[in-house]
Amino acid sequence: MTKPVKRIALNTLYIIVVIALVFAVWAVAARIVDTPLIMPTVGDTFDALWIVVRLKTFWVGLVGTVVRSLIGYAVATALAFVLFFLSSVSDAAEHIITPIVAALRTLPTVAVSLVLVIWAGAIVAPVVLGVIVIAPMLYSTLRAKVATVTKELVEIARLNGAGNVRIFYHVVMPTAAGALPEGLATALSFNIKIVIAAEIVMQTANSLGMLMNAAQIYYMTATLIALVVVAVVISVAIEYLVRWILSIALVKYRD
């Protein structure tokens, strides 16, 4: 068995073990509580999931949430890279951008959600919130990675006639690329969670968040947990897919 195949087999085994442990703990907890309204059984939850996935409203909500998540993620990624480029080629830009990013990272998410829903409406606001949360995260990840670039390497590039832009493309970016598979994949799955949380608070129409909100209001605990399971599975699947694609595309930049 080759090393890549062995690594994939071990990772698959770990995932199976973790899932088995989660279901075991879930089953024991449901048995102890013995109140379906509070803790439905695994079987009851999957029965509720089977009912939900046959509803048109579920698929409309799922598509709405995924589309909002992807739009926000694309905007956040583009913004993070623009800020990263500016701060890398200009010290003045870095001094301006750094406190702004720090301020954005400390914003209270729920409070911002309530303001955004007034300004942008319940459909657009989750997208905007995702951008506000994810862009600073990606920017900070990239800056932390390029902090490992030695000053000697930059000075050598300057002595060879490289300007700030050339240093960015030939020194900074190759270093930052090593953080992209993990950083971008994690940011995408986290953005999905942020969008769903915002949809719940804002009661966004045609969204998983709205379906979760309705299930909570009507004490449909099994349905609520089923929707949470769907959200987790989608987030994890997309995260691993992005990480895998970027790991292959950026294989030459691995540490």
Protein backbone atom coordinates (compact mmCIF):
# COMPACT_ATOMS: atom_id res chain seq x y z
CA MET A 1 0.00 0.00 0.00
CA THR A 2 1.49 3.34 -1.07
CA LYS A 3 1.84 6.23 1.40
CA PRO A 4 -0.94 8.39 -0.16
CA VAL A 5 -3.36 5.44 -0.13
CA LYS A 6 -2.40 4.59 3.45
CA ARG A 7 -2.92 8.22 4.51
CA ILE A 8 -6.35 8.31 2.87
CA ALA A 9 -7.29 5.01 4.51
CA LEU A 10 -6.22 6.24 7.95
CA ASN A 11 -8.07 9.54 7.55
CA THR A 12 -11.20 7.66 6.47
CA LEU A 13 -10.88 5.35 9.48
CA TYR A 14 -10.56 8.33 11.84
CA ILE A 15 -13.68 9.93 10.36
CA ILE A 16 -15.65 6.69 10.76
CA VAL A 17 -14.51 6.32 14.37
CA VAL A 18 -15.46 9.93 15.21
CA ILE A 19 -18.90 9.55 13.60
CA ALA A 20 -19.46 6.28 15.47
CA LEU A 21 -18.54 7.95 18.77
CA VAL A 22 -20.88 10.88 18.11
CA PHE A 23 -23.80 8.56 17.36
CA ALA A 24 -23.00 6.41 20.40
CA VAL A 25 -22.98 9.42 22.74
CA TRP A 26 -26.14 10.72 21.08
CA ALA A 27 -27.94 7.38 21.56
CA VAL A 28 -26.91 7.16 25.23
CA ALA A 29 -27.97 10.78 25.89
CA ALA A 30 -31.37 10.22 24.24
CA ARG A 31 -31.88 7.09 26.34
CA ILE A 32 -30.99 8.89 29.57
CA VAL A 33 -33.15 11.96 28.88
CA ASP A 34 -35.98 9.82 27.49
CA THR A 35 -37.87 12.91 26.29
CA PRO A 36 -38.07 13.25 22.48
CA LEU A 37 -39.00 16.92 22.77
CA ILE A 38 -35.63 17.61 24.40
CA MET A 39 -33.38 14.89 22.98
CA PRO A 40 -34.85 12.86 20.09
CA THR A 41 -33.29 9.52 19.25
CA VAL A 42 -31.01 9.02 16.25
CA GLY A 43 -33.81 7.14 14.49
CA ASP A 44 -36.37 9.88 15.11
CA THR A 45 -33.95 12.49 13.79
CA PHE A 46 -33.28 10.62 10.58
CA ASP A 47 -37.00 10.01 10.12
CA ALA A 48 -37.47 13.78 10.39
CA LEU A 49 -34.61 14.30 7.93
CA TRP A 50 -36.28 11.98 5.42
CA ILE A 51 -39.49 13.99 5.69
CA VAL A 52 -37.65 17.30 5.33
CA VAL A 53 -35.61 16.39 2.25
CA ARG A 54 -38.80 15.58 0.37
CA LEU A 55 -40.09 19.13 0.83
CA LYS A 56 -39.56 21.77 -1.83
CA THR A 57 -39.03 24.41 0.85
CA PHE A 58 -35.97 22.51 2.11
CA TRP A 59 -34.23 22.54 -1.26
CA VAL A 60 -35.14 26.17 -1.87
CA GLY A 61 -33.73 27.05 1.54
CA LEU A 62 -30.61 24.94 1.01
CA VAL A 63 -29.86 26.55 -2.36
CA GLY A 64 -30.50 30.02 -0.93
CA THR A 65 -28.08 29.47 1.96
CA VAL A 66 -25.36 27.94 -0.23
CA VAL A 67 -25.61 30.73 -2.81
CA ARG A 68 -25.43 33.43 -0.14
CA SER A 69 -22.45 31.67 1.45
CA LEU A 70 -20.55 31.35 -1.82
CA ILE A 71 -21.19 34.97 -2.84
CA GLY A 72 -20.05 36.27 0.54
CA TYR A 73 -17.02 33.99 0.50
CA ALA A 74 -15.98 35.11 -2.99
CA VAL A 75 -16.27 38.79 -2.03
CA ALA A 76 -14.43 38.24 1.27
CA THR A 77 -11.61 36.34 -0.44
CA ALA A 78 -11.17 39.01 -3.11
CA LEU A 79 -11.20 41.78 -0.49
CA ALA A 80 -8.69 39.93 1.72
CA PHE A 81 -6.27 39.51 -1.18
CA VAL A 82 -6.60 43.16 -2.22
CA LEU A 83 -5.85 44.29 1.33
CA PHE A 84 -3.02 41.77 1.56
CA PHE A 85 -1.48 43.06 -1.67
CA LEU A 86 -1.74 46.72 -0.60
CA SER A 87 -0.27 46.08 2.84
CA SER A 88 2.56 44.04 1.30
CA VAL A 89 3.68 46.66 -1.22
CA SER A 90 3.11 49.77 0.90
CA ASP A 91 4.03 50.41 4.53
CA ALA A 92 1.58 53.32 4.65
CA ALA A 93 -1.24 51.06 3.47
CA GLU A 94 -0.30 48.46 6.08
CA HIS A 95 -0.48 51.06 8.88
CA ILE A 96 -3.98 52.03 7.70
CA ILE A 97 -5.30 48.51 7.06
CA THR A 98 -4.03 46.84 10.25
CA PRO A 99 -6.20 48.81 12.74
CA ILE A 100 -9.23 48.53 10.46
CA VAL A 101 -8.88 44.75 10.30
CA ALA A 102 -8.35 44.59 14.07
CA ALA A 103 -11.54 46.62 14.62
CA LEU A 104 -13.56 44.39 12.28
CA ARG A 105 -12.36 41.27 14.10
CA THR A 106 -13.65 42.60 17.42
CA LEU A 107 -17.14 43.55 16.21
CA PRO A 108 -19.96 41.75 18.11
CA THR A 109 -21.53 39.50 15.46
CA VAL A 110 -25.09 39.47 16.77
CA ALA A 111 -25.23 43.24 17.25
CA VAL A 112 -23.83 43.78 13.75
CA SER A 113 -26.46 41.38 12.38
CA LEU A 114 -29.27 43.46 13.85
CA VAL A 115 -27.86 46.64 12.32
CA LEU A 116 -27.20 45.05 8.94
CA VAL A 117 -30.75 43.71 8.64
CA ILE A 118 -31.99 47.31 8.96
CA TRP A 119 -29.50 48.66 6.43
CA ALA A 120 -29.37 45.88 3.85
CA GLY A 121 -32.45 43.69 4.43
CA ALA A 122 -32.68 40.09 5.53
CA ILE A 123 -31.66 38.65 2.14
CA VAL A 124 -28.41 40.58 1.64
CA ALA A 125 -27.38 41.11 5.27
CA PRO A 126 -26.09 37.53 5.86
CA VAL A 127 -23.79 37.93 2.85
CA VAL A 128 -22.43 41.24 4.18
CA LEU A 129 -21.91 39.76 7.64
CA GLY A 130 -19.95 36.87 6.14
CA VAL A 131 -17.68 39.32 4.32
CA ILE A 132 -17.10 41.36 7.51
CA VAL A 133 -16.13 38.23 9.46
CA ILE A 134 -14.22 36.22 6.83
CA ALA A 135 -12.17 38.92 5.07
CA PRO A 136 -10.24 39.93 8.25
CA MET A 137 -9.73 36.25 9.08
CA LEU A 138 -8.17 35.48 5.70
CA TYR A 139 -6.11 38.66 5.73
CA SER A 140 -4.69 37.83 9.17
CA THR A 141 -3.91 34.27 8.08
CA LEU A 142 -1.93 35.51 5.08
CA ARG A 143 -0.09 38.17 7.09
CA ALA A 144 0.85 35.61 9.75
CA LYS A 145 2.26 33.30 7.09
CA VAL A 146 4.39 35.96 5.36
CA ALA A 147 5.75 37.06 8.73
CA THR A 148 8.04 34.04 8.38
CA VAL A 149 9.74 35.60 5.35
CA THR A 150 13.24 36.63 6.44
CA LYS A 151 14.36 40.21 5.98
CA GLU A 152 17.55 38.89 4.37
CA LEU A 153 15.54 37.31 1.56
CA VAL A 154 13.70 40.56 0.90
CA GLU A 155 16.95 42.52 0.96
CA ILE A 156 18.56 40.13 -1.52
CA ALA A 157 15.59 40.62 -3.85
CA ARG A 158 15.94 44.41 -3.54
CA LEU A 159 19.67 44.24 -4.25
CA ASN A 160 18.83 42.37 -7.45
CA GLY A 161 16.59 45.24 -8.57
CA ALA A 162 13.18 43.90 -7.49
CA GLY A 163 10.58 46.49 -6.50
CA ASN A 164 7.73 46.02 -4.04
CA VAL A 165 5.37 44.52 -6.62
CA ARG A 166 7.93 42.00 -7.90
CA ILE A 167 8.85 41.06 -4.32
CA PHE A 168 5.15 40.48 -3.63
CA TYR A 169 4.71 38.12 -6.59
CA HIS A 170 8.04 36.28 -6.33
CA VAL A 171 8.73 36.24 -2.58
CA VAL A 172 5.61 37.05 -0.56
CA MET A 173 2.97 35.13 -2.55
CA PRO A 174 4.92 31.85 -2.79
CA THR A 175 5.26 31.95 1.00
CA ALA A 176 1.62 32.89 1.58
CA ALA A 177 0.47 30.14 -0.80
CA GLY A 178 1.45 27.55 1.78
CA ALA A 179 -1.33 28.79 4.04
CA LEU A 180 -4.02 28.88 1.36
CA PRO A 181 -5.36 25.29 1.41
CA GLU A 182 -6.03 25.30 5.15
CA GLY A 183 -6.95 28.99 5.44
CA LEU A 184 -9.36 29.17 2.50
CA ALA A 185 -11.02 25.83 3.29
CA THR A 186 -11.56 26.70 6.95
CA ALA A 187 -12.84 30.16 6.06
CA LEU A 188 -15.42 28.74 3.64
CA SER A 189 -16.92 26.28 6.14
CA PHE A 190 -16.90 28.95 8.84
CA ASN A 191 -18.62 31.37 6.46
CA ILE A 192 -21.45 28.88 5.92
CA LYS A 193 -21.98 28.74 9.69
CA ILE A 194 -21.92 32.55 9.95
CA VAL A 195 -24.48 32.89 7.15
CA ILE A 196 -26.83 30.32 8.71
CA ALA A 197 -26.56 31.99 12.13
CA ALA A 198 -27.35 35.35 10.52
CA GLU A 199 -30.33 33.84 8.67
CA ILE A 200 -31.71 32.57 11.98
CA VAL A 201 -31.37 35.97 13.66
CA MET A 202 -32.66 37.89 10.62
CA GLN A 203 -35.37 35.33 9.70
CA THR A 204 -34.17 35.33 6.11
CA ALA A 205 -36.69 33.88 3.67
CA ASN A 206 -35.69 30.84 1.58
CA SER A 207 -32.87 29.76 3.86
CA LEU A 208 -31.79 26.92 6.14
CA GLY A 209 -31.70 29.45 8.95
CA MET A 210 -35.38 30.25 8.52
CA LEU A 211 -36.26 26.53 8.48
CA MET A 212 -34.29 26.05 11.71
CA ASN A 213 -36.04 29.03 13.25
CA ALA A 214 -39.47 27.61 12.34
CA ALA A 215 -38.55 24.17 13.74
CA GLN A 216 -37.48 25.78 17.02
CA ILE A 217 -40.65 27.88 17.29
CA TYR A 218 -42.89 24.83 16.84
CA TYR A 219 -40.74 22.61 19.12
CA MET A 220 -39.86 20.26 16.27
CA THR A 221 -36.61 19.23 17.92
CA ALA A 222 -35.92 16.23 15.68
CA THR A 223 -36.38 18.38 12.57
CA LEU A 224 -34.14 21.09 14.03
CA ILE A 225 -31.35 18.61 14.75
CA ALA A 226 -31.80 17.09 11.29
CA LEU A 227 -31.29 20.52 9.71
CA VAL A 228 -28.21 21.08 11.87
CA VAL A 229 -26.83 17.74 10.66
CA VAL A 230 -27.39 18.85 7.06
CA ALA A 231 -25.55 22.12 7.71
CA VAL A 232 -22.61 20.32 9.34
CA VAL A 233 -22.32 17.75 6.55
CA ILE A 234 -22.38 20.44 3.86
CA SER A 235 -19.79 22.58 5.69
CA VAL A 236 -17.41 19.67 6.26
CA ALA A 237 -17.81 18.30 2.72
CA ILE A 238 -17.13 21.68 1.10
CA GLU A 239 -14.20 22.36 3.43
CA TYR A 240 -12.50 19.07 2.56
CA LEU A 241 -13.21 19.54 -1.16
CA VAL A 242 -11.62 23.01 -1.21
CA ARG A 243 -8.66 21.85 0.86
CA TRP A 244 -8.09 18.91 -1.49
CA ILE A 245 -8.31 21.02 -4.66
CA LEU A 246 -5.96 23.70 -3.32
CA SER A 247 -3.51 21.13 -1.96
CA ILE A 248 -3.16 19.70 -5.45
CA ALA A 249 -3.06 23.09 -7.20
CA LEU A 250 -0.46 24.50 -4.79
CA VAL A 251 1.56 21.33 -4.19
CA LYS A 252 4.85 23.03 -5.15
CA TYR A 253 4.39 25.57 -2.34
CA ARG A 254 4.02 23.04 0.46
CA ASP A 255 6.36 23.58 3.39
